[in-house]
């Protein structure tokens, strides 16, 4: 199966918030990158004007599975 193309997103975030996010992701066994993608995907779906997203773009890939290590 071909790999899905990806882009990199760099953001500026408060140090404390980043550490909290990292710790909670690790406790849940999730990678910060996967969790961020899930949050952004949900926000886009909830905030996109009607008709902006095509039906194929609306289809969600499965939620990330819990993984050991959690840090990325």
Protein backbone atom coordinates (compact mmCIF):
# COMPACT_ATOMS: atom_id res chain seq x y z
CA UNK A 1 0.00 0.00 0.00
CA UNK A 2 1.49 3.39 -0.96
CA UNK A 3 2.37 5.75 1.85
CA UNK A 4 0.18 8.80 2.31
CA UNK A 5 1.90 12.10 1.48
CA UNK A 6 2.49 14.34 4.46
CA UNK A 7 3.56 17.92 5.18
CA UNK A 8 5.34 19.32 8.20
CA UNK A 9 3.68 21.94 10.43
CA UNK A 10 5.81 23.99 12.82
CA UNK A 11 4.05 25.94 15.56
CA UNK A 12 5.03 28.13 18.47
CA UNK A 13 3.51 26.97 21.75
CA UNK A 14 3.87 27.90 25.41
CA UNK A 15 6.56 25.73 27.06
CA UNK A 16 4.32 24.64 29.90
CA UNK A 17 1.47 23.69 27.58
CA UNK A 18 3.85 21.71 25.35
CA UNK A 19 5.24 19.80 28.36
CA UNK A 20 1.73 19.04 29.61
CA UNK A 21 0.67 17.86 26.15
CA UNK A 22 3.78 15.68 25.85
CA UNK A 23 3.22 14.15 29.29
CA UNK A 24 -0.46 13.38 28.71
CA UNK A 25 0.21 11.88 25.28
CA UNK A 26 2.92 9.69 26.82
CA UNK A 27 0.59 8.57 29.61
CA UNK A 28 -2.00 7.57 27.01
CA UNK A 29 0.61 5.87 24.82
CA UNK A 30 0.05 8.29 21.93
CA UNK A 31 2.47 10.24 19.78
CA UNK A 32 2.11 14.01 19.92
CA UNK A 33 2.08 14.17 16.11
CA UNK A 34 -0.79 11.68 15.77
CA UNK A 35 -2.77 13.40 18.50
CA UNK A 36 -2.26 16.80 16.89
CA UNK A 37 -3.44 15.44 13.53
CA UNK A 38 -6.55 13.99 15.17
CA UNK A 39 -7.34 17.34 16.85
CA UNK A 40 -6.79 19.33 13.64
CA UNK A 41 -8.89 16.87 11.60
CA UNK A 42 -11.77 17.19 14.09
CA UNK A 43 -11.52 21.01 14.10
CA UNK A 44 -11.53 21.17 10.28
CA UNK A 45 -14.60 18.92 10.06
CA UNK A 46 -16.47 20.93 12.69
CA UNK A 47 -15.59 24.35 11.24
CA UNK A 48 -15.56 23.88 7.46
CA UNK A 49 -18.37 25.67 5.64
CA UNK A 50 -20.89 23.32 3.98
CA UNK A 51 -19.60 21.98 0.68
CA UNK A 52 -15.97 23.04 1.24
CA UNK A 53 -14.72 19.53 1.92
CA UNK A 54 -15.32 16.87 -0.68
CA UNK A 55 -16.75 13.56 0.49
CA UNK A 56 -13.35 11.85 0.08
CA UNK A 57 -11.69 14.56 2.18
CA UNK A 58 -14.26 14.07 4.95
CA UNK A 59 -13.41 10.40 5.40
CA UNK A 60 -11.33 10.01 8.50
CA UNK A 61 -8.46 7.58 8.77
CA UNK A 62 -8.77 5.43 11.88
CA UNK A 63 -7.83 7.01 15.19
CA UNK A 64 -4.23 6.37 16.20
CA UNK A 65 -3.70 3.18 18.15
CA UNK A 66 -2.06 3.39 21.52
CA UNK A 67 1.67 2.94 21.19
CA UNK A 68 4.38 2.52 23.74
CA UNK A 69 6.75 5.40 24.27
CA UNK A 70 4.27 8.04 23.15
CA UNK A 71 6.97 10.65 22.54
CA UNK A 72 7.80 11.90 19.09
